Amino acid sequence: PTTPKSTEAPETTSSAPPVNGTTAATGATTTAAPPATTTRPLPQGYIPLYPQLLQPSTAETHTFYMYRVQNDADYAPENQNMANLAGALWYLHNEIVINQGVRRFGKTRIQRFKVRTKATQPMQAVGMDFGVRYAFDGGECTGPFNCERQFQHYGYFIGCNLVDEFPTSQWARQNFYPNATWYSLPGKCSTMRYNKHTPRCEIEQPGGACDDPTGQGNCTYSYEHAGDILIDELEGLDMPFEEFAAGGGWEYNNGTDHGVHMSFWDDKYNATACEDRVDAARDLFRLRYPDDPADEDLPAPPCDFDFDRFFAWATKPY
């Protein structure tokens, strides 16, 4: 798709002004000329490294749900890490509900997005729908390795990994959520934090979000909000969280593998208990959105990222 022309003013660069003073030859006072300004017109659209990234791909289009553990703020899932439902529950269990008296980062809900994805032709050439799953910090892609180098080669691919595999293999043998998966959705200007974006960056690095994925380098996924569920409701909490915490409640204590005045998160290392928690979240989405397809009605494609095939083209450092 053609990127619309920016309405922002063009970027400018200024040469260093001469210094006011006197000439060596005459001693006459001189006045500096105004600094020269060179206008650099903004690029007119996405210019990929390979022309085939301007063409639609032959990849299959997939439609499925992605989830995000979120606070009360609403913003797009671009330049964000997402998950399947098991991956979202793993994140909640290991990062969010573990502190006594407070739920970390103010998380209140699990958001659901209906996404459509289509891999680029270079991704198809190596037999994958998904690339490496990148981490995003404040909207900036932080690796592993060099994000932009891979985006230039493959286009703005969707990344995935199983929670206990690269690049988070430190969780091997510590995950009991079935098929827990994380995703990355590259957006505009992913080399910079959200508050550092420029018009030039947003044009030169357009990301993969678009209305109807074609598999072109800048059109690999679309998304639409598909509801949310409250964490309190999932846990069966029948009072405000602050009241629960003030009464000595603790969602989950890593040291005892149990909660205090709550049992929803007990037995983290039990696969059956973890699967039951995922089923509880599915049931709650089904209850709240009975007219929408259920999670199992839109199965996600397998996370087919393969390190050796993906990085085979590149010399180290990746």
C-alpha atoms as a PDB file:
ATOM      1  CA  PRO A   1       0.000   0.000   0.000  1.00  0.00           C
ATOM      2  CA  THR A   2       1.178   3.489  -0.748  1.00  0.00           C
ATOM      3  CA  THR A   3       2.106   5.502   2.308  1.00  0.00           C
ATOM      4  CA  PRO A   4       0.269   8.857   2.265  1.00  0.00           C
ATOM      5  CA  LYS A   5       2.384  11.949   1.978  1.00  0.00           C
ATOM      6  CA  SER A   6       3.181  13.525   5.312  1.00  0.00           C
ATOM      7  CA  THR A   7       1.616  16.879   6.091  1.00  0.00           C
ATOM      8  CA  GLU A   8       4.407  17.685   8.513  1.00  0.00           C
ATOM      9  CA  ALA A   9       6.975  20.350   7.662  1.00  0.00           C
ATOM     10  CA  PRO A  10      10.121  18.963   6.026  1.00  0.00           C
ATOM     11  CA  GLU A  11      13.166  18.368   8.182  1.00  0.00           C
ATOM     12  CA  THR A  12      15.917  20.965   7.889  1.00  0.00           C
ATOM     13  CA  THR A  13      19.619  20.982   8.596  1.00  0.00           C
ATOM     14  CA  SER A  14      21.622  24.155   9.167  1.00  0.00           C
ATOM     15  CA  SER A  15      25.290  24.785   8.408  1.00  0.00           C
ATOM     16  CA  ALA A  16      27.397  26.246  11.219  1.00  0.00           C
ATOM     17  CA  PRO A  17      27.266  30.062  11.087  1.00  0.00           C
ATOM     18  CA  PRO A  18      30.473  32.053  10.623  1.00  0.00           C
ATOM     19  CA  VAL A  19      31.747  33.820  13.707  1.00  0.00           C
ATOM     20  CA  ASN A  20      31.350  37.598  13.988  1.00  0.00           C
ATOM     21  CA  GLY A  21      34.666  39.457  14.426  1.00  0.00           C
ATOM     22  CA  THR A  22      37.364  41.204  12.409  1.00  0.00           C
ATOM     23  CA  THR A  23      39.174  40.170   9.241  1.00  0.00           C
ATOM     24  CA  ALA A  24      42.849  39.350   9.587  1.00  0.00           C
ATOM     25  CA  ALA A  25      43.765  41.428   6.503  1.00  0.00           C
ATOM     26  CA  THR A  26      41.978  44.701   7.185  1.00  0.00           C
ATOM     27  CA  GLY A  27      40.892  44.642  10.747  1.00  0.00           C
ATOM     28  CA  ALA A  28      37.445  45.619   9.543  1.00  0.00           C
ATOM     29  CA  THR A  29      34.484  44.469  11.564  1.00  0.00           C
ATOM     30  CA  THR A  30      32.483  41.733   9.862  1.00  0.00           C
ATOM     31  CA  THR A  31      28.925  40.629  10.366  1.00  0.00           C
ATOM     32  CA  ALA A  32      28.094  36.979   9.970  1.00  0.00           C
ATOM     33  CA  ALA A  33      25.707  35.986   7.226  1.00  0.00           C
ATOM     34  CA  PRO A  34      22.532  34.176   8.312  1.00  0.00           C
ATOM     35  CA  PRO A  35      23.074  30.423   8.600  1.00  0.00           C
ATOM     36  CA  ALA A  36      22.413  28.573   5.366  1.00  0.00           C
ATOM     37  CA  THR A  37      19.491  26.173   5.572  1.00  0.00           C
ATOM     38  CA  THR A  38      19.209  23.062   3.452  1.00  0.00           C
ATOM     39  CA  THR A  39      15.775  21.539   3.058  1.00  0.00           C
ATOM     40  CA  ARG A  40      15.631  17.739   3.032  1.00  0.00           C
ATOM     41  CA  PRO A  41      12.288  16.690   1.561  1.00  0.00           C
ATOM     42  CA  LEU A  42      10.579  13.819   3.301  1.00  0.00           C
ATOM     43  CA  PRO A  43      10.548  10.525   1.418  1.00  0.00           C
ATOM     44  CA  GLN A  44       7.332   9.825  -0.453  1.00  0.00           C
ATOM     45  CA  GLY A  45       6.773   6.338   0.850  1.00  0.00           C
ATOM     46  CA  TYR A  46       8.176   3.002   1.951  1.00  0.00           C
ATOM     47  CA  ILE A  47      11.335   2.103   0.019  1.00  0.00           C
ATOM     48  CA  PRO A  48      12.360  -1.446   0.977  1.00  0.00           C
ATOM     49  CA  LEU A  49      15.718  -3.044   0.406  1.00  0.00           C
ATOM     50  CA  TYR A  50      14.218  -5.581  -2.020  1.00  0.00           C
ATOM     51  CA  PRO A  51      11.583  -4.770  -4.690  1.00  0.00           C
ATOM     52  CA  GLN A  52       9.672  -7.979  -3.907  1.00  0.00           C
ATOM     53  CA  LEU A  53       8.676  -6.418  -0.573  1.00  0.00           C
ATOM     54  CA  LEU A  54       6.529  -3.979  -2.581  1.00  0.00           C
ATOM     55  CA  GLN A  55       4.534  -6.892  -4.015  1.00  0.00           C
ATOM     56  CA  PRO A  56       1.792  -8.948  -2.334  1.00  0.00           C
ATOM     57  CA  SER A  57       3.001 -12.327  -1.155  1.00  0.00           C
ATOM     58  CA  THR A  58       1.652 -15.808  -1.797  1.00  0.00           C
ATOM     59  CA  ALA A  59       1.465 -16.565   1.943  1.00  0.00           C
ATOM     60  CA  GLU A  60      -1.704 -17.781   3.618  1.00  0.00           C
ATOM     61  CA  THR A  61      -3.719 -15.238   5.610  1.00  0.00           C
ATOM     62  CA  HIS A  62      -4.357 -16.260   9.220  1.00  0.00           C
ATOM     63  CA  THR A  63      -7.100 -14.927  11.489  1.00  0.00           C
ATOM     64  CA  PHE A  64      -6.850 -15.511  15.238  1.00  0.00           C
ATOM     65  CA  TYR A  65      -6.856 -13.789  18.619  1.00  0.00           C
ATOM     66  CA  MET A  66      -3.944 -12.126  20.395  1.00  0.00           C
ATOM     67  CA  TYR A  67      -4.124 -10.978  24.003  1.00  0.00           C
ATOM     68  CA  ARG A  68      -2.479  -8.266  26.088  1.00  0.00           C
ATOM     69  CA  VAL A  69      -2.381  -7.831  29.873  1.00  0.00           C
ATOM     70  CA  GLN A  70      -3.188  -4.161  30.316  1.00  0.00           C
ATOM     71  CA  ASN A  71      -3.991  -1.390  32.781  1.00  0.00           C
ATOM     72  CA  ASP A  72      -6.907   0.990  32.235  1.00  0.00           C
ATOM     73  CA  ALA A  73      -5.179   2.918  29.435  1.00  0.00           C
ATOM     74  CA  ASP A  74      -6.176   2.307  25.825  1.00  0.00           C
ATOM     75  CA  TYR A  75      -3.643   2.434  22.986  1.00  0.00           C
ATOM     76  CA  ALA A  76      -2.873   0.487  19.845  1.00  0.00           C
ATOM     77  CA  PRO A  77      -1.000  -2.838  20.031  1.00  0.00           C
ATOM     78  CA  GLU A  78       1.628  -1.665  17.527  1.00  0.00           C
ATOM     79  CA  ASN A  79       5.238  -1.839  18.740  1.00  0.00           C
ATOM     80  CA  GLN A  80       3.946  -4.088  21.493  1.00  0.00           C
ATOM     81  CA  ASN A  81       4.382  -7.625  22.737  1.00  0.00           C
ATOM     82  CA  MET A  82       1.243  -9.734  22.634  1.00  0.00           C
ATOM     83  CA  ALA A  83       0.390 -13.318  23.600  1.00  0.00           C
ATOM     84  CA  ASN A  84      -2.007 -16.159  23.155  1.00  0.00           C
ATOM     85  CA  LEU A  85      -4.255 -16.722  26.171  1.00  0.00           C
ATOM     86  CA  ALA A  86      -1.862 -19.210  27.792  1.00  0.00           C
ATOM     87  CA  GLY A  87       1.028 -16.768  27.286  1.00  0.00           C
ATOM     88  CA  ALA A  88      -0.987 -13.952  28.886  1.00  0.00           C
ATOM     89  CA  LEU A  89      -1.796 -16.150  31.897  1.00  0.00           C
ATOM     90  CA  TRP A  90       1.879 -17.116  32.240  1.00  0.00           C
ATOM     91  CA  TYR A  91       2.838 -13.436  32.272  1.00  0.00           C
ATOM     92  CA  LEU A  92       0.186 -12.627  34.864  1.00  0.00           C
ATOM     93  CA  HIS A  93       1.247 -15.532  37.054  1.00  0.00           C
ATOM     94  CA  ASN A  94       4.978 -14.820  36.933  1.00  0.00           C
ATOM     95  CA  GLU A  95       5.177 -11.033  36.672  1.00  0.00           C
ATOM     96  CA  ILE A  96       1.981  -9.372  37.886  1.00  0.00           C
ATOM     97  CA  VAL A  97       0.155 -11.111  40.768  1.00  0.00           C
ATOM     98  CA  ILE A  98       3.222 -11.960  42.860  1.00  0.00           C
ATOM     99  CA  ASN A  99       3.525  -8.871  45.097  1.00  0.00           C
ATOM    100  CA  GLN A 100       1.660  -8.590  48.358  1.00  0.00           C
ATOM    101  CA  GLY A 101      -0.548  -5.542  48.640  1.00  0.00           C
ATOM    102  CA  VAL A 102      -0.267  -4.359  45.041  1.00  0.00           C
ATOM    103  CA  ARG A 103      -0.774  -5.712  41.555  1.00  0.00           C
ATOM    104  CA  ARG A 104       2.313  -4.788  39.547  1.00  0.00           C
ATOM    105  CA  PHE A 105       2.155  -2.047  36.906  1.00  0.00           C
ATOM    106  CA  GLY A 106      -1.491  -1.330  37.703  1.00  0.00           C
ATOM    107  CA  LYS A 107      -2.733  -4.184  35.495  1.00  0.00           C
ATOM    108  CA  THR A 108      -6.503  -4.599  35.597  1.00  0.00           C
ATOM    109  CA  ARG A 109      -7.601  -6.627  32.575  1.00  0.00           C
ATOM    110  CA  ILE A 110      -6.796  -8.949  29.686  1.00  0.00           C
ATOM    111  CA  GLN A 111      -7.497  -7.341  26.322  1.00  0.00           C
ATOM    112  CA  ARG A 112      -8.337  -9.395  23.247  1.00  0.00           C
ATOM    113  CA  PHE A 113      -7.604  -8.408  19.638  1.00  0.00           C
ATOM    114  CA  LYS A 114      -8.730 -10.149  16.481  1.00  0.00           C
ATOM    115  CA  VAL A 115      -5.728 -10.111  14.175  1.00  0.00           C
ATOM    116  CA  ARG A 116      -5.121 -11.069  10.569  1.00  0.00           C
ATOM    117  CA  THR A 117      -1.570 -11.845   9.511  1.00  0.00           C
ATOM    118  CA  LYS A 118       0.153 -12.522   6.194  1.00  0.00           C
ATOM    119  CA  ALA A 119       3.876 -13.203   5.877  1.00  0.00           C
ATOM    120  CA  THR A 120       6.053 -11.507   3.280  1.00  0.00           C
ATOM    121  CA  GLN A 121       7.578 -13.352   0.323  1.00  0.00           C
ATOM    122  CA  PRO A 122      11.095 -13.441   1.854  1.00  0.00           C
ATOM    123  CA  MET A 123       9.546 -15.084   4.916  1.00  0.00           C
ATOM    124  CA  GLN A 124       7.773 -17.588   2.697  1.00  0.00           C
ATOM    125  CA  ALA A 125      11.066 -18.331   0.972  1.00  0.00           C
ATOM    126  CA  VAL A 126      12.447 -19.677   4.250  1.00  0.00           C
ATOM    127  CA  GLY A 127       9.213 -21.520   5.008  1.00  0.00           C
ATOM    128  CA  MET A 128       7.895 -19.447   7.910  1.00  0.00           C
ATOM    129  CA  ASP A 129       4.898 -17.331   8.817  1.00  0.00           C
ATOM    130  CA  PHE A 130       6.636 -15.875  11.885  1.00  0.00           C
ATOM    131  CA  GLY A 131      10.057 -14.395  12.522  1.00  0.00           C
ATOM    132  CA  VAL A 132      12.016 -13.869  15.711  1.00  0.00           C
ATOM    133  CA  ARG A 133       9.931 -12.437  18.526  1.00  0.00           C
ATOM    134  CA  TYR A 134      11.337  -9.035  19.378  1.00  0.00           C
ATOM    135  CA  ALA A 135      10.983  -7.238  22.688  1.00  0.00           C
ATOM    136  CA  PHE A 136       9.618  -3.689  22.793  1.00  0.00           C
ATOM    137  CA  ASP A 137      10.487  -1.205  25.521  1.00  0.00           C
ATOM    138  CA  GLY A 138       8.450   1.987  25.430  1.00  0.00           C
ATOM    139  CA  GLY A 139       7.655   1.195  21.795  1.00  0.00           C
ATOM    140  CA  GLU A 140      11.332   0.717  20.849  1.00  0.00           C
ATOM    141  CA  CYS A 141      12.448  -2.615  19.450  1.00  0.00           C
ATOM    142  CA  THR A 142      15.287  -3.772  21.708  1.00  0.00           C
ATOM    143  CA  GLY A 143      16.201  -7.137  20.213  1.00  0.00           C
ATOM    144  CA  PRO A 144      17.457  -9.757  20.355  1.00  0.00           C
ATOM    145  CA  PHE A 145      20.148  -8.520  17.951  1.00  0.00           C
ATOM    146  CA  ASN A 146      19.482  -5.789  15.388  1.00  0.00           C
ATOM    147  CA  CYS A 147      15.757  -5.376  14.748  1.00  0.00           C
ATOM    148  CA  GLU A 148      16.018  -3.015  11.802  1.00  0.00           C
ATOM    149  CA  ARG A 149      18.488  -5.227   9.940  1.00  0.00           C
ATOM    150  CA  GLN A 150      15.983  -8.083   9.900  1.00  0.00           C
ATOM    151  CA  PHE A 151      13.064  -5.797   9.029  1.00  0.00           C
ATOM    152  CA  GLN A 152      15.031  -4.535   6.045  1.00  0.00           C
ATOM    153  CA  HIS A 153      15.592  -8.097   4.867  1.00  0.00           C
ATOM    154  CA  TYR A 154      12.176  -9.650   5.588  1.00  0.00           C
ATOM    155  CA  GLY A 155       9.834  -6.680   5.840  1.00  0.00           C
ATOM    156  CA  TYR A 156       7.891  -5.951   9.030  1.00  0.00           C
ATOM    157  CA  PHE A 157       7.211  -9.540  10.043  1.00  0.00           C
ATOM    158  CA  ILE A 158       5.204 -10.703  13.055  1.00  0.00           C
ATOM    159  CA  GLY A 159       7.420 -12.419  15.596  1.00  0.00           C
ATOM    160  CA  CYS A 160       6.599 -15.347  17.873  1.00  0.00           C
ATOM    161  CA  ASN A 161       8.174 -17.629  20.425  1.00  0.00           C
ATOM    162  CA  LEU A 162       7.057 -20.274  22.851  1.00  0.00           C
ATOM    163  CA  VAL A 163       7.625 -18.884  26.338  1.00  0.00           C
ATOM    164  CA  ASP A 164      10.270 -21.495  27.159  1.00  0.00           C
ATOM    165  CA  GLU A 165      12.185 -21.176  23.873  1.00  0.00           C
ATOM    166  CA  PHE A 166      14.515 -18.552  22.341  1.00  0.00           C
ATOM    167  CA  PRO A 167      14.726 -15.692  23.129  1.00  0.00           C
ATOM    168  CA  THR A 168      13.327 -16.562  26.593  1.00  0.00           C
ATOM    169  CA  SER A 169      14.739 -20.065  26.991  1.00  0.00           C
ATOM    170  CA  GLN A 170      15.620 -19.219  30.606  1.00  0.00           C
ATOM    171  CA  TRP A 171      12.044 -20.276  31.355  1.00  0.00           C
ATOM    172  CA  ALA A 172      12.613 -23.815  30.069  1.00  0.00           C
ATOM    173  CA  ARG A 173      11.261 -26.335  32.575  1.00  0.00           C
ATOM    174  CA  GLN A 174       9.495 -23.509  34.440  1.00  0.00           C
ATOM    175  CA  ASN A 175       6.443 -23.145  32.208  1.00  0.00           C
ATOM    176  CA  PHE A 176       3.422 -25.382  32.656  1.00  0.00           C
ATOM    177  CA  TYR A 177       0.944 -23.363  30.616  1.00  0.00           C
ATOM    178  CA  PRO A 178       0.126 -25.349  27.465  1.00  0.00           C
ATOM    179  CA  ASN A 179       1.615 -23.863  24.284  1.00  0.00           C
ATOM    180  CA  ALA A 180       2.171 -20.481  25.962  1.00  0.00           C
ATOM    181  CA  THR A 181       3.210 -18.152  23.133  1.00  0.00           C
ATOM    182  CA  TRP A 182       4.286 -14.531  22.811  1.00  0.00           C
ATOM    183  CA  TYR A 183       4.132 -12.320  19.725  1.00  0.00           C
ATOM    184  CA  SER A 184       5.587  -9.014  18.534  1.00  0.00           C
ATOM    185  CA  LEU A 185       3.776  -6.537  16.286  1.00  0.00           C
ATOM    186  CA  PRO A 186       6.160  -4.004  14.701  1.00  0.00           C
ATOM    187  CA  GLY A 187       4.692  -0.545  14.173  1.00  0.00           C
ATOM    188  CA  LYS A 188       5.922   2.773  12.872  1.00  0.00           C
ATOM    189  CA  CYS A 189       9.352   4.032  13.861  1.00  0.00           C
ATOM    190  CA  SER A 190      10.222   0.965  15.926  1.00  0.00           C
ATOM    191  CA  THR A 191      13.847   2.078  16.362  1.00  0.00           C
ATOM    192  CA  MET A 192      12.717   4.875  18.705  1.00  0.00           C
ATOM    193  CA  ARG A 193      10.611   5.199  21.827  1.00  0.00           C
ATOM    194  CA  TYR A 194       7.085   6.539  21.364  1.00  0.00           C
ATOM    195  CA  ASN A 195       7.980  10.082  22.415  1.00  0.00           C
ATOM    196  CA  LYS A 196      10.940  10.287  20.003  1.00  0.00           C
ATOM    197  CA  HIS A 197       9.123   9.642  16.704  1.00  0.00           C
ATOM    198  CA  THR A 198       9.721  11.969  13.762  1.00  0.00           C
ATOM    199  CA  PRO A 199       7.805  12.340  10.479  1.00  0.00           C
ATOM    200  CA  ARG A 200      10.811  11.001   8.560  1.00  0.00           C
ATOM    201  CA  CYS A 201      11.143   7.961  10.804  1.00  0.00           C
ATOM    202  CA  GLU A 202       7.447   7.111  10.527  1.00  0.00           C
ATOM    203  CA  ILE A 203       7.683   7.146   6.725  1.00  0.00           C
ATOM    204  CA  GLU A 204      10.979   5.296   6.395  1.00  0.00           C
ATOM    205  CA  GLN A 205       9.999   2.724   9.049  1.00  0.00           C
ATOM    206  CA  PRO A 206       6.249   2.250   8.487  1.00  0.00           C
ATOM    207  CA  GLY A 207       5.792  -1.000  10.411  1.00  0.00           C
ATOM    208  CA  GLY A 208       3.461  -3.758   9.307  1.00  0.00           C
ATOM    209  CA  ALA A 209       0.000  -2.588  10.389  1.00  0.00           C
ATOM    210  CA  CYS A 210      -2.561  -1.977   7.638  1.00  0.00           C
ATOM    211  CA  ASP A 211      -6.278  -2.433   6.979  1.00  0.00           C
ATOM    212  CA  ASP A 212      -6.045  -5.567   4.822  1.00  0.00           C
ATOM    213  CA  PRO A 213      -2.794  -7.565   5.035  1.00  0.00           C
ATOM    214  CA  THR A 214      -1.239  -8.264   1.635  1.00  0.00           C
ATOM    215  CA  GLY A 215       2.156  -9.632   2.644  1.00  0.00           C
ATOM    216  CA  GLN A 216       3.928  -6.546   1.325  1.00  0.00           C
ATOM    217  CA  GLY A 217       6.771  -5.441   3.565  1.00  0.00           C
ATOM    218  CA  ASN A 218       4.686  -2.714   5.193  1.00  0.00           C
ATOM    219  CA  CYS A 219       1.363  -4.612   5.284  1.00  0.00           C
ATOM    220  CA  THR A 220       1.666  -7.820   7.298  1.00  0.00           C
ATOM    221  CA  TYR A 221      -1.111  -7.579   9.892  1.00  0.00           C
ATOM    222  CA  SER A 222      -4.331  -5.882  10.902  1.00  0.00           C
ATOM    223  CA  TYR A 223      -6.100  -5.824  14.241  1.00  0.00           C
ATOM    224  CA  GLU A 224      -9.392  -4.907  15.836  1.00  0.00           C
ATOM    225  CA  HIS A 225     -10.334  -4.756  19.488  1.00  0.00           C
ATOM    226  CA  ALA A 226     -12.407  -7.776  20.504  1.00  0.00           C
ATOM    227  CA  GLY A 227     -13.209  -7.170  24.147  1.00  0.00           C
ATOM    228  CA  ASP A 228     -11.581  -7.645  27.519  1.00  0.00           C
ATOM    229  CA  ILE A 229     -12.063  -9.348  30.864  1.00  0.00           C
ATOM    230  CA  LEU A 230     -11.172  -8.032  34.313  1.00  0.00           C
ATOM    231  CA  ILE A 231      -8.497  -9.816  36.304  1.00  0.00           C
ATOM    232  CA  ASP A 232     -10.623  -9.400  39.456  1.00  0.00           C
ATOM    233  CA  GLU A 233     -13.484 -11.169  37.733  1.00  0.00           C
ATOM    234  CA  LEU A 234     -11.240 -13.974  36.497  1.00  0.00           C
ATOM    235  CA  GLU A 235      -9.964 -14.556  40.026  1.00  0.00           C
ATOM    236  CA  GLY A 236     -13.474 -14.514  41.491  1.00  0.00           C
ATOM    237  CA  LEU A 237     -12.636 -11.481  43.622  1.00  0.00           C
ATOM    238  CA  ASP A 238     -15.894 -10.126  45.080  1.00  0.00           C
ATOM    239  CA  MET A 239     -14.507  -6.911  46.550  1.00  0.00           C
ATOM    240  CA  PRO A 240     -12.272  -4.069  45.333  1.00  0.00           C
ATOM    241  CA  PHE A 241      -8.654  -5.169  45.067  1.00  0.00           C
ATOM    242  CA  GLU A 242      -7.549  -2.494  47.546  1.00  0.00           C
ATOM    243  CA  GLU A 243      -9.950  -3.887  50.149  1.00  0.00           C
ATOM    244  CA  PHE A 244      -8.723  -7.441  49.462  1.00  0.00           C
ATOM    245  CA  ALA A 245      -5.093  -6.353  49.914  1.00  0.00           C
ATOM    246  CA  ALA A 246      -5.844  -4.307  53.050  1.00  0.00           C
ATOM    247  CA  GLY A 247      -7.357  -7.408  54.607  1.00  0.00           C
ATOM    248  CA  GLY A 248      -4.109  -9.349  54.154  1.00  0.00           C
ATOM    249  CA  GLY A 249      -4.996 -10.840  50.787  1.00  0.00           C
ATOM    250  CA  TRP A 250      -2.193 -11.909  48.465  1.00  0.00           C
ATOM    251  CA  GLU A 251      -2.971 -13.170  44.980  1.00  0.00           C
ATOM    252  CA  TYR A 252       0.038 -15.482  44.783  1.00  0.00           C
ATOM    253  CA  ASN A 253       3.103 -16.054  46.957  1.00  0.00           C
ATOM    254  CA  ASN A 254       6.026 -17.535  45.017  1.00  0.00           C
ATOM    255  CA  GLY A 255       7.511 -18.868  48.211  1.00  0.00           C
ATOM    256  CA  THR A 256       4.530 -21.014  49.168  1.00  0.00           C
ATOM    257  CA  ASP A 257       3.030 -21.585  45.693  1.00  0.00           C
ATOM    258  CA  HIS A 258      -0.294 -20.449  47.154  1.00  0.00           C
ATOM    259  CA  GLY A 259      -2.258 -17.266  47.663  1.00  0.00           C
ATOM    260  CA  VAL A 260      -3.657 -15.769  50.844  1.00  0.00           C
ATOM    261  CA  HIS A 261      -7.448 -15.494  50.870  1.00  0.00           C
ATOM    262  CA  MET A 262      -7.285 -16.576  47.208  1.00  0.00           C
ATOM    263  CA  SER A 263      -6.672 -19.926  45.539  1.00  0.00           C
ATOM    264  CA  PHE A 264      -6.986 -19.112  41.820  1.00  0.00           C
ATOM    265  CA  TRP A 265      -3.209 -18.995  41.250  1.00  0.00           C
ATOM    266  CA  ASP A 266      -2.262 -21.960  43.465  1.00  0.00           C
ATOM    267  CA  ASP A 267      -0.077 -24.737  41.998  1.00  0.00           C
ATOM    268  CA  LYS A 268       1.876 -22.848  39.339  1.00  0.00           C
ATOM    269  CA  TYR A 269       3.932 -25.939  38.487  1.00  0.00           C
ATOM    270  CA  ASN A 270       0.922 -28.155  37.866  1.00  0.00           C
ATOM    271  CA  ALA A 271       0.014 -28.429  34.167  1.00  0.00           C
ATOM    272  CA  THR A 272      -3.599 -29.370  34.912  1.00  0.00           C
ATOM    273  CA  ALA A 273      -4.075 -26.365  37.194  1.00  0.00           C
ATOM    274  CA  CYS A 274      -2.528 -24.065  34.580  1.00  0.00           C
ATOM    275  CA  GLU A 275      -4.782 -25.451  31.847  1.00  0.00           C
ATOM    276  CA  ASP A 276      -7.787 -24.938  34.136  1.00  0.00           C
ATOM    277  CA  ARG A 277      -6.864 -21.264  34.490  1.00  0.00           C
ATOM    278  CA  VAL A 278      -6.671 -20.864  30.703  1.00  0.00           C
ATOM    279  CA  ASP A 279     -10.070 -22.547  30.377  1.00  0.00           C
ATOM    280  CA  ALA A 280     -11.495 -20.177  33.001  1.00  0.00           C
ATOM    281  CA  ALA A 281     -10.321 -17.179  30.953  1.00  0.00           C
ATOM    282  CA  ARG A 282     -11.789 -18.665  27.759  1.00  0.00           C
ATOM    283  CA  ASP A 283     -15.094 -19.276  29.516  1.00  0.00           C
ATOM    284  CA  LEU A 284     -15.210 -15.720  30.820  1.00  0.00           C
ATOM    285  CA  PHE A 285     -14.626 -14.267  27.344  1.00  0.00           C
ATOM    286  CA  ARG A 286     -17.336 -16.569  25.994  1.00  0.00           C
ATOM    287  CA  LEU A 287     -19.717 -15.435  28.738  1.00  0.00           C
ATOM    288  CA  ARG A 288     -19.070 -11.752  28.127  1.00  0.00           C
ATOM    289  CA  TYR A 289     -19.094 -11.958  24.312  1.00  0.00           C
ATOM    290  CA  PRO A 290     -21.483 -14.776  23.396  1.00  0.00           C
ATOM    291  CA  ASP A 291     -21.953 -13.551  19.814  1.00  0.00           C
ATOM    292  CA  ASP A 292     -18.225 -13.488  19.002  1.00  0.00           C
ATOM    293  CA  PRO A 293     -16.145 -16.477  17.884  1.00  0.00           C
ATOM    294  CA  ALA A 294     -14.587 -18.230  20.851  1.00  0.00           C
ATOM    295  CA  ASP A 295     -10.838 -18.621  21.248  1.00  0.00           C
ATOM    296  CA  GLU A 296     -10.960 -22.208  20.036  1.00  0.00           C
ATOM    297  CA  ASP A 297     -13.009 -21.166  16.973  1.00  0.00           C
ATOM    298  CA  LEU A 298     -10.086 -19.076  15.686  1.00  0.00           C
ATOM    299  CA  PRO A 299      -7.052 -21.275  16.337  1.00  0.00           C
ATOM    300  CA  ALA A 300      -3.708 -19.578  15.960  1.00  0.00           C
ATOM    301  CA  PRO A 301      -1.264 -20.966  13.391  1.00  0.00           C
ATOM    302  CA  PRO A 302       1.725 -22.779  14.881  1.00  0.00           C
ATOM    303  CA  CYS A 303       4.632 -20.633  15.988  1.00  0.00           C
ATOM    304  CA  ASP A 304       6.977 -21.820  13.229  1.00  0.00           C
ATOM    305  CA  PHE A 305       9.984 -19.535  13.835  1.00  0.00           C
ATOM    306  CA  ASP A 306      13.211 -21.443  13.272  1.00  0.00           C
ATOM    307  CA  PHE A 307      16.428 -19.745  14.406  1.00  0.00           C
ATOM    308  CA  ASP A 308      18.780 -21.417  11.919  1.00  0.00           C
ATOM    309  CA  ARG A 309      16.595 -20.841   8.864  1.00  0.00           C
ATOM    310  CA  PHE A 310      15.648 -17.299   9.852  1.00  0.00           C
ATOM    311  CA  PHE A 311      19.205 -16.083  10.442  1.00  0.00           C
ATOM    312  CA  ALA A 312      20.857 -18.195   7.723  1.00  0.00           C
ATOM    313  CA  TRP A 313      21.174 -15.203   5.366  1.00  0.00           C
ATOM    314  CA  ALA A 314      22.975 -13.000   7.907  1.00  0.00           C
ATOM    315  CA  THR A 315      26.505 -12.966   9.186  1.00  0.00           C
ATOM    316  CA  LYS A 316      27.085 -12.262  12.854  1.00  0.00           C
ATOM    317  CA  PRO A 317      26.287  -9.989  14.566  1.00  0.00           C
ATOM    318  CA  TYR A 318      22.648 -10.561  13.588  1.00  0.00           C
END
